[in-house]
Amino acid sequence: MRNFLYAFVPIFVAVDALGVLPLFIGLTDGLGREDRRRIILQAMVVATTVAIAFILLGKSVFALMGIRTEDFMVAGGVILFVIATLDLVTATKYARREVGTLGAVPLGMPLIVGPATLTTCLMIEGVYGLVPTLLSVVVNIAVAGLVFLSADWWTRLLREAGSRALSKVASLILAAIAVMMIRKGLIGLVAAAASAK
């Protein structure tokens, strides 16, 4: 139980469900309750699958393929930046065009389970063990799902004008997060290349 609690806290910080909530509200602006619930379920399934697969296979598979954490950061950042740009500069929301896959990308991966969460999981697994890490990941993703279910309440509170404003702010924040991920990934890749010389 103690190892579970020790593993839960850093993964909770890495998942940052409360921080992702405004982005979820912005990405799902204008969608009905059933669509939102479907997206939340899809995001939880994708996030859980990716996290568990990464914990079980990540080190060996990625070492074999030569993939680094920084590569994930750059790739995830590029995806998020494209989505944020589409939402900012076009009249049609990305979520309305891609409602069938919105839960998988970008919500499930890389917003809920991104490079920070995956890296944290690998570190935690080495310290507190496999089972506490797996349990803490599953519980944290369930907590994120519950947080996203409260989005309907926030949407009613903000009403249509507030939801539209939050949608644009969320897209701008998403673009900033994307740039940060790309920047950190590139810095890590440059540092790794310099140390390899």
C-alpha atoms as a PDB file:
ATOM      1  CA  MET A   1       0.000   0.000   0.000  1.00  0.00           C
ATOM      2  CA  ARG A   2       2.824   2.406   0.833  1.00  0.00           C
ATOM      3  CA  ASN A   3       4.560   1.753  -2.488  1.00  0.00           C
ATOM      4  CA  PHE A   4       1.258   2.391  -4.279  1.00  0.00           C
ATOM      5  CA  LEU A   5       0.892   5.777  -2.583  1.00  0.00           C
ATOM      6  CA  TYR A   6       4.499   6.688  -3.331  1.00  0.00           C
ATOM      7  CA  ALA A   7       3.958   5.737  -6.976  1.00  0.00           C
ATOM      8  CA  PHE A   8       0.537   7.429  -7.198  1.00  0.00           C
ATOM      9  CA  VAL A   9       1.626  10.961  -6.315  1.00  0.00           C
ATOM     10  CA  PRO A  10       4.284  11.600  -9.016  1.00  0.00           C
ATOM     11  CA  ILE A  11       2.104   9.985 -11.685  1.00  0.00           C
ATOM     12  CA  PHE A  12      -0.839  12.145 -10.534  1.00  0.00           C
ATOM     13  CA  VAL A  13       1.336  15.216 -11.034  1.00  0.00           C
ATOM     14  CA  ALA A  14       2.512  13.993 -14.454  1.00  0.00           C
ATOM     15  CA  VAL A  15      -1.015  13.188 -15.704  1.00  0.00           C
ATOM     16  CA  ASP A  16      -2.263  16.603 -14.452  1.00  0.00           C
ATOM     17  CA  ALA A  17      -5.969  15.940 -15.066  1.00  0.00           C
ATOM     18  CA  LEU A  18      -7.000  19.340 -13.662  1.00  0.00           C
ATOM     19  CA  GLY A  19      -4.554  21.058 -16.006  1.00  0.00           C
ATOM     20  CA  VAL A  20      -5.881  19.120 -18.994  1.00  0.00           C
ATOM     21  CA  LEU A  21      -9.548  19.843 -18.118  1.00  0.00           C
ATOM     22  CA  PRO A  22      -9.674  23.302 -19.814  1.00  0.00           C
ATOM     23  CA  LEU A  23      -8.115  21.752 -22.919  1.00  0.00           C
ATOM     24  CA  PHE A  24     -10.730  18.990 -22.865  1.00  0.00           C
ATOM     25  CA  ILE A  25     -13.511  21.586 -22.581  1.00  0.00           C
ATOM     26  CA  GLY A  26     -12.026  23.576 -25.455  1.00  0.00           C
ATOM     27  CA  LEU A  27     -11.513  20.556 -27.712  1.00  0.00           C
ATOM     28  CA  THR A  28     -15.044  19.234 -27.108  1.00  0.00           C
ATOM     29  CA  ASP A  29     -16.787  22.615 -27.348  1.00  0.00           C
ATOM     30  CA  GLY A  30     -20.189  22.178 -29.005  1.00  0.00           C
ATOM     31  CA  LEU A  31     -20.346  18.408 -28.613  1.00  0.00           C
ATOM     32  CA  GLY A  32     -23.233  16.646 -26.863  1.00  0.00           C
ATOM     33  CA  ARG A  33     -23.028  14.786 -23.562  1.00  0.00           C
ATOM     34  CA  GLU A  34     -22.979  11.346 -25.209  1.00  0.00           C
ATOM     35  CA  ASP A  35     -20.169  12.365 -27.581  1.00  0.00           C
ATOM     36  CA  ARG A  36     -18.159  13.663 -24.641  1.00  0.00           C
ATOM     37  CA  ARG A  37     -18.676  10.474 -22.675  1.00  0.00           C
ATOM     38  CA  ARG A  38     -17.618   8.407 -25.683  1.00  0.00           C
ATOM     39  CA  ILE A  39     -14.496  10.543 -26.071  1.00  0.00           C
ATOM     40  CA  ILE A  40     -13.669  10.193 -22.352  1.00  0.00           C
ATOM     41  CA  LEU A  41     -14.016   6.401 -22.522  1.00  0.00           C
ATOM     42  CA  GLN A  42     -11.876   6.233 -25.647  1.00  0.00           C
ATOM     43  CA  ALA A  43      -9.235   8.445 -24.042  1.00  0.00           C
ATOM     44  CA  MET A  44      -9.115   6.293 -20.909  1.00  0.00           C
ATOM     45  CA  VAL A  45      -8.792   3.067 -22.908  1.00  0.00           C
ATOM     46  CA  VAL A  46      -6.052   4.482 -25.149  1.00  0.00           C
ATOM     47  CA  ALA A  47      -4.164   6.097 -22.260  1.00  0.00           C
ATOM     48  CA  THR A  48      -4.307   2.917 -20.157  1.00  0.00           C
ATOM     49  CA  THR A  49      -3.233   0.692 -23.057  1.00  0.00           C
ATOM     50  CA  VAL A  50      -0.332   2.933 -24.028  1.00  0.00           C
ATOM     51  CA  ALA A  51       0.856   3.351 -20.440  1.00  0.00           C
ATOM     52  CA  ILE A  52       0.716  -0.368 -19.595  1.00  0.00           C
ATOM     53  CA  ALA A  53       2.402  -1.345 -22.865  1.00  0.00           C
ATOM     54  CA  PHE A  54       5.096   1.261 -22.281  1.00  0.00           C
ATOM     55  CA  ILE A  55       5.737   0.078 -18.711  1.00  0.00           C
ATOM     56  CA  LEU A  56       5.933  -3.578 -19.745  1.00  0.00           C
ATOM     57  CA  LEU A  57       7.760  -3.250 -23.056  1.00  0.00           C
ATOM     58  CA  GLY A  58       9.110   0.277 -23.260  1.00  0.00           C
ATOM     59  CA  LYS A  59      12.691  -0.114 -22.159  1.00  0.00           C
ATOM     60  CA  SER A  60      13.511  -3.164 -24.251  1.00  0.00           C
ATOM     61  CA  VAL A  61      11.543  -2.297 -27.392  1.00  0.00           C
ATOM     62  CA  PHE A  62      12.609   1.334 -27.596  1.00  0.00           C
ATOM     63  CA  ALA A  63      16.221   0.496 -26.849  1.00  0.00           C
ATOM     64  CA  LEU A  64      16.077  -2.025 -29.684  1.00  0.00           C
ATOM     65  CA  MET A  65      14.547   0.540 -32.055  1.00  0.00           C
ATOM     66  CA  GLY A  66      16.807   3.362 -30.892  1.00  0.00           C
ATOM     67  CA  ILE A  67      13.852   5.560 -29.841  1.00  0.00           C
ATOM     68  CA  ARG A  68      14.455   8.071 -27.062  1.00  0.00           C
ATOM     69  CA  THR A  69      12.044   9.896 -24.740  1.00  0.00           C
ATOM     70  CA  GLU A  70      13.002  13.112 -26.512  1.00  0.00           C
ATOM     71  CA  ASP A  71      11.776  11.639 -29.807  1.00  0.00           C
ATOM     72  CA  PHE A  72       8.356  11.166 -28.182  1.00  0.00           C
ATOM     73  CA  MET A  73       8.376  14.744 -26.959  1.00  0.00           C
ATOM     74  CA  VAL A  74       9.099  16.161 -30.419  1.00  0.00           C
ATOM     75  CA  ALA A  75       6.547  13.926 -32.167  1.00  0.00           C
ATOM     76  CA  GLY A  76       3.841  14.613 -29.564  1.00  0.00           C
ATOM     77  CA  GLY A  77       4.571  18.332 -29.682  1.00  0.00           C
ATOM     78  CA  VAL A  78       4.220  18.447 -33.468  1.00  0.00           C
ATOM     79  CA  ILE A  79       0.843  16.656 -33.289  1.00  0.00           C
ATOM     80  CA  LEU A  80      -0.456  19.006 -30.591  1.00  0.00           C
ATOM     81  CA  PHE A  81       0.776  22.082 -32.459  1.00  0.00           C
ATOM     82  CA  VAL A  82      -1.030  21.060 -35.657  1.00  0.00           C
ATOM     83  CA  ILE A  83      -4.287  20.478 -33.742  1.00  0.00           C
ATOM     84  CA  ALA A  84      -3.994  23.783 -31.861  1.00  0.00           C
ATOM     85  CA  THR A  85      -3.223  25.701 -35.069  1.00  0.00           C
ATOM     86  CA  LEU A  86      -6.241  24.208 -36.846  1.00  0.00           C
ATOM     87  CA  ASP A  87      -8.503  25.264 -33.970  1.00  0.00           C
ATOM     88  CA  LEU A  88      -7.073  28.785 -33.869  1.00  0.00           C
ATOM     89  CA  VAL A  89      -7.090  29.652 -37.580  1.00  0.00           C
ATOM     90  CA  THR A  90     -10.112  27.791 -38.970  1.00  0.00           C
ATOM     91  CA  ALA A  91     -13.810  28.254 -38.351  1.00  0.00           C
ATOM     92  CA  THR A  92     -14.450  24.514 -37.965  1.00  0.00           C
ATOM     93  CA  LYS A  93     -13.308  22.962 -34.711  1.00  0.00           C
ATOM     94  CA  TYR A  94     -10.865  20.052 -34.939  1.00  0.00           C
ATOM     95  CA  ALA A  95     -13.095  18.184 -32.473  1.00  0.00           C
ATOM     96  CA  ARG A  96     -16.090  18.479 -34.796  1.00  0.00           C
ATOM     97  CA  ARG A  97     -14.121  17.080 -37.718  1.00  0.00           C
ATOM     98  CA  GLU A  98     -12.335  14.351 -35.782  1.00  0.00           C
ATOM     99  CA  VAL A  99     -14.788  13.415 -33.032  1.00  0.00           C
ATOM    100  CA  GLY A 100     -14.225   9.717 -33.738  1.00  0.00           C
ATOM    101  CA  THR A 101     -10.522   9.888 -32.895  1.00  0.00           C
ATOM    102  CA  LEU A 102     -10.370  12.865 -30.521  1.00  0.00           C
ATOM    103  CA  GLY A 103     -10.284  10.598 -27.471  1.00  0.00           C
ATOM    104  CA  ALA A 104      -7.251   8.757 -28.820  1.00  0.00           C
ATOM    105  CA  VAL A 105      -5.318  11.757 -30.167  1.00  0.00           C
ATOM    106  CA  PRO A 106      -4.687  14.200 -28.624  1.00  0.00           C
ATOM    107  CA  LEU A 107      -6.601  13.468 -25.397  1.00  0.00           C
ATOM    108  CA  GLY A 108      -5.494   9.928 -24.566  1.00  0.00           C
ATOM    109  CA  MET A 109      -2.057  10.424 -26.059  1.00  0.00           C
ATOM    110  CA  PRO A 110      -0.208  12.737 -25.513  1.00  0.00           C
ATOM    111  CA  LEU A 111      -2.339  14.886 -23.133  1.00  0.00           C
ATOM    112  CA  ILE A 112      -3.219  12.265 -20.483  1.00  0.00           C
ATOM    113  CA  VAL A 113      -0.342   9.896 -21.156  1.00  0.00           C
ATOM    114  CA  GLY A 114       2.451  11.907 -22.704  1.00  0.00           C
ATOM    115  CA  PRO A 115       6.231  11.858 -22.494  1.00  0.00           C
ATOM    116  CA  ALA A 116       6.240  13.169 -18.901  1.00  0.00           C
ATOM    117  CA  THR A 117       3.856  10.447 -17.695  1.00  0.00           C
ATOM    118  CA  LEU A 118       5.634   7.676 -19.591  1.00  0.00           C
ATOM    119  CA  THR A 119       9.042   8.746 -18.342  1.00  0.00           C
ATOM    120  CA  THR A 120       7.714   8.993 -14.783  1.00  0.00           C
ATOM    121  CA  CYS A 121       6.213   5.501 -15.067  1.00  0.00           C
ATOM    122  CA  LEU A 122       9.557   4.001 -16.092  1.00  0.00           C
ATOM    123  CA  MET A 123      11.344   5.735 -13.228  1.00  0.00           C
ATOM    124  CA  ILE A 124       8.667   4.761 -10.668  1.00  0.00           C
ATOM    125  CA  GLU A 125       8.626   1.143 -11.834  1.00  0.00           C
ATOM    126  CA  GLY A 126      12.331   0.854 -11.163  1.00  0.00           C
ATOM    127  CA  VAL A 127      11.934   2.220  -7.619  1.00  0.00           C
ATOM    128  CA  TYR A 128       8.572   0.919  -6.327  1.00  0.00           C
ATOM    129  CA  GLY A 129       7.968  -2.146  -8.492  1.00  0.00           C
ATOM    130  CA  LEU A 130       5.778  -3.201 -11.379  1.00  0.00           C
ATOM    131  CA  VAL A 131       2.433  -3.830  -9.618  1.00  0.00           C
ATOM    132  CA  PRO A 132       2.268  -0.526  -7.642  1.00  0.00           C
ATOM    133  CA  THR A 133       3.196   1.367 -10.803  1.00  0.00           C
ATOM    134  CA  LEU A 134       0.540  -0.341 -12.925  1.00  0.00           C
ATOM    135  CA  LEU A 135      -2.134   0.198 -10.248  1.00  0.00           C
ATOM    136  CA  SER A 136      -1.248   3.857  -9.778  1.00  0.00           C
ATOM    137  CA  VAL A 137      -1.395   4.482 -13.529  1.00  0.00           C
ATOM    138  CA  VAL A 138      -4.821   2.845 -13.860  1.00  0.00           C
ATOM    139  CA  VAL A 139      -6.207   4.738 -10.847  1.00  0.00           C
ATOM    140  CA  ASN A 140      -4.799   8.065 -12.100  1.00  0.00           C
ATOM    141  CA  ILE A 141      -6.371   7.582 -15.531  1.00  0.00           C
ATOM    142  CA  ALA A 142      -9.700   6.754 -13.842  1.00  0.00           C
ATOM    143  CA  VAL A 143      -9.390   9.957 -11.796  1.00  0.00           C
ATOM    144  CA  ALA A 144      -8.740  11.895 -15.020  1.00  0.00           C
ATOM    145  CA  GLY A 145     -11.910  10.386 -16.511  1.00  0.00           C
ATOM    146  CA  LEU A 146     -13.944  11.506 -13.489  1.00  0.00           C
ATOM    147  CA  VAL A 147     -12.475  15.007 -13.761  1.00  0.00           C
ATOM    148  CA  PHE A 148     -13.438  15.201 -17.450  1.00  0.00           C
ATOM    149  CA  LEU A 149     -16.981  14.082 -16.626  1.00  0.00           C
ATOM    150  CA  SER A 150     -17.340  17.323 -14.636  1.00  0.00           C
ATOM    151  CA  ALA A 151     -16.797  19.287 -17.866  1.00  0.00           C
ATOM    152  CA  ASP A 152     -20.566  19.429 -18.481  1.00  0.00           C
ATOM    153  CA  TRP A 153     -20.978  21.368 -15.243  1.00  0.00           C
ATOM    154  CA  TRP A 154     -18.256  23.823 -16.229  1.00  0.00           C
ATOM    155  CA  THR A 155     -19.755  24.249 -19.698  1.00  0.00           C
ATOM    156  CA  ARG A 156     -23.179  25.092 -18.242  1.00  0.00           C
ATOM    157  CA  LEU A 157     -21.529  27.570 -15.903  1.00  0.00           C
ATOM    158  CA  LEU A 158     -19.605  29.318 -18.701  1.00  0.00           C
ATOM    159  CA  ARG A 159     -22.473  29.248 -21.248  1.00  0.00           C
ATOM    160  CA  GLU A 160     -21.910  29.565 -25.001  1.00  0.00           C
ATOM    161  CA  ALA A 161     -19.848  32.779 -25.064  1.00  0.00           C
ATOM    162  CA  GLY A 162     -17.627  31.657 -22.209  1.00  0.00           C
ATOM    163  CA  SER A 163     -17.156  28.231 -23.783  1.00  0.00           C
ATOM    164  CA  ARG A 164     -16.068  29.798 -27.069  1.00  0.00           C
ATOM    165  CA  ALA A 165     -13.609  32.084 -25.326  1.00  0.00           C
ATOM    166  CA  LEU A 166     -12.230  29.193 -23.271  1.00  0.00           C
ATOM    167  CA  SER A 167     -11.968  27.123 -26.444  1.00  0.00           C
ATOM    168  CA  LYS A 168      -9.669  29.694 -28.083  1.00  0.00           C
ATOM    169  CA  VAL A 169      -7.608  30.163 -24.904  1.00  0.00           C
ATOM    170  CA  ALA A 170      -7.290  26.389 -24.567  1.00  0.00           C
ATOM    171  CA  SER A 171      -6.074  26.115 -28.167  1.00  0.00           C
ATOM    172  CA  LEU A 172      -3.470  28.798 -27.496  1.00  0.00           C
ATOM    173  CA  ILE A 173      -2.337  26.976 -24.331  1.00  0.00           C
ATOM    174  CA  LEU A 174      -2.224  23.734 -26.309  1.00  0.00           C
ATOM    175  CA  ALA A 175       0.041  25.395 -28.885  1.00  0.00           C
ATOM    176  CA  ALA A 176       2.316  26.661 -26.095  1.00  0.00           C
ATOM    177  CA  ILE A 177       2.489  23.171 -24.554  1.00  0.00           C
ATOM    178  CA  ALA A 178       3.349  21.783 -27.984  1.00  0.00           C
ATOM    179  CA  VAL A 179       6.199  24.272 -28.437  1.00  0.00           C
ATOM    180  CA  MET A 180       7.478  23.469 -24.931  1.00  0.00           C
ATOM    181  CA  MET A 181       7.467  19.727 -25.691  1.00  0.00           C
ATOM    182  CA  ILE A 182       9.289  20.250 -28.981  1.00  0.00           C
ATOM    183  CA  ARG A 183      11.816  22.586 -27.321  1.00  0.00           C
ATOM    184  CA  LYS A 184      12.568  20.174 -24.474  1.00  0.00           C
ATOM    185  CA  GLY A 185      12.799  17.266 -26.873  1.00  0.00           C
ATOM    186  CA  LEU A 186      15.225  19.090 -29.159  1.00  0.00           C
ATOM    187  CA  ILE A 187      17.351  20.255 -26.210  1.00  0.00           C
ATOM    188  CA  GLY A 188      17.506  16.660 -24.958  1.00  0.00           C
ATOM    189  CA  LEU A 189      18.465  15.361 -28.395  1.00  0.00           C
ATOM    190  CA  VAL A 190      21.191  18.001 -28.806  1.00  0.00           C
ATOM    191  CA  ALA A 191      22.547  17.253 -25.323  1.00  0.00           C
ATOM    192  CA  ALA A 192      22.577  13.522 -26.060  1.00  0.00           C
ATOM    193  CA  ALA A 193      24.378  14.097 -29.359  1.00  0.00           C
ATOM    194  CA  ALA A 194      26.937  16.353 -27.666  1.00  0.00           C
ATOM    195  CA  SER A 195      27.642  13.819 -24.907  1.00  0.00           C
ATOM    196  CA  ALA A 196      28.036  11.042 -27.479  1.00  0.00           C
ATOM    197  CA  LYS A 197      30.959  12.867 -29.110  1.00  0.00           C
END
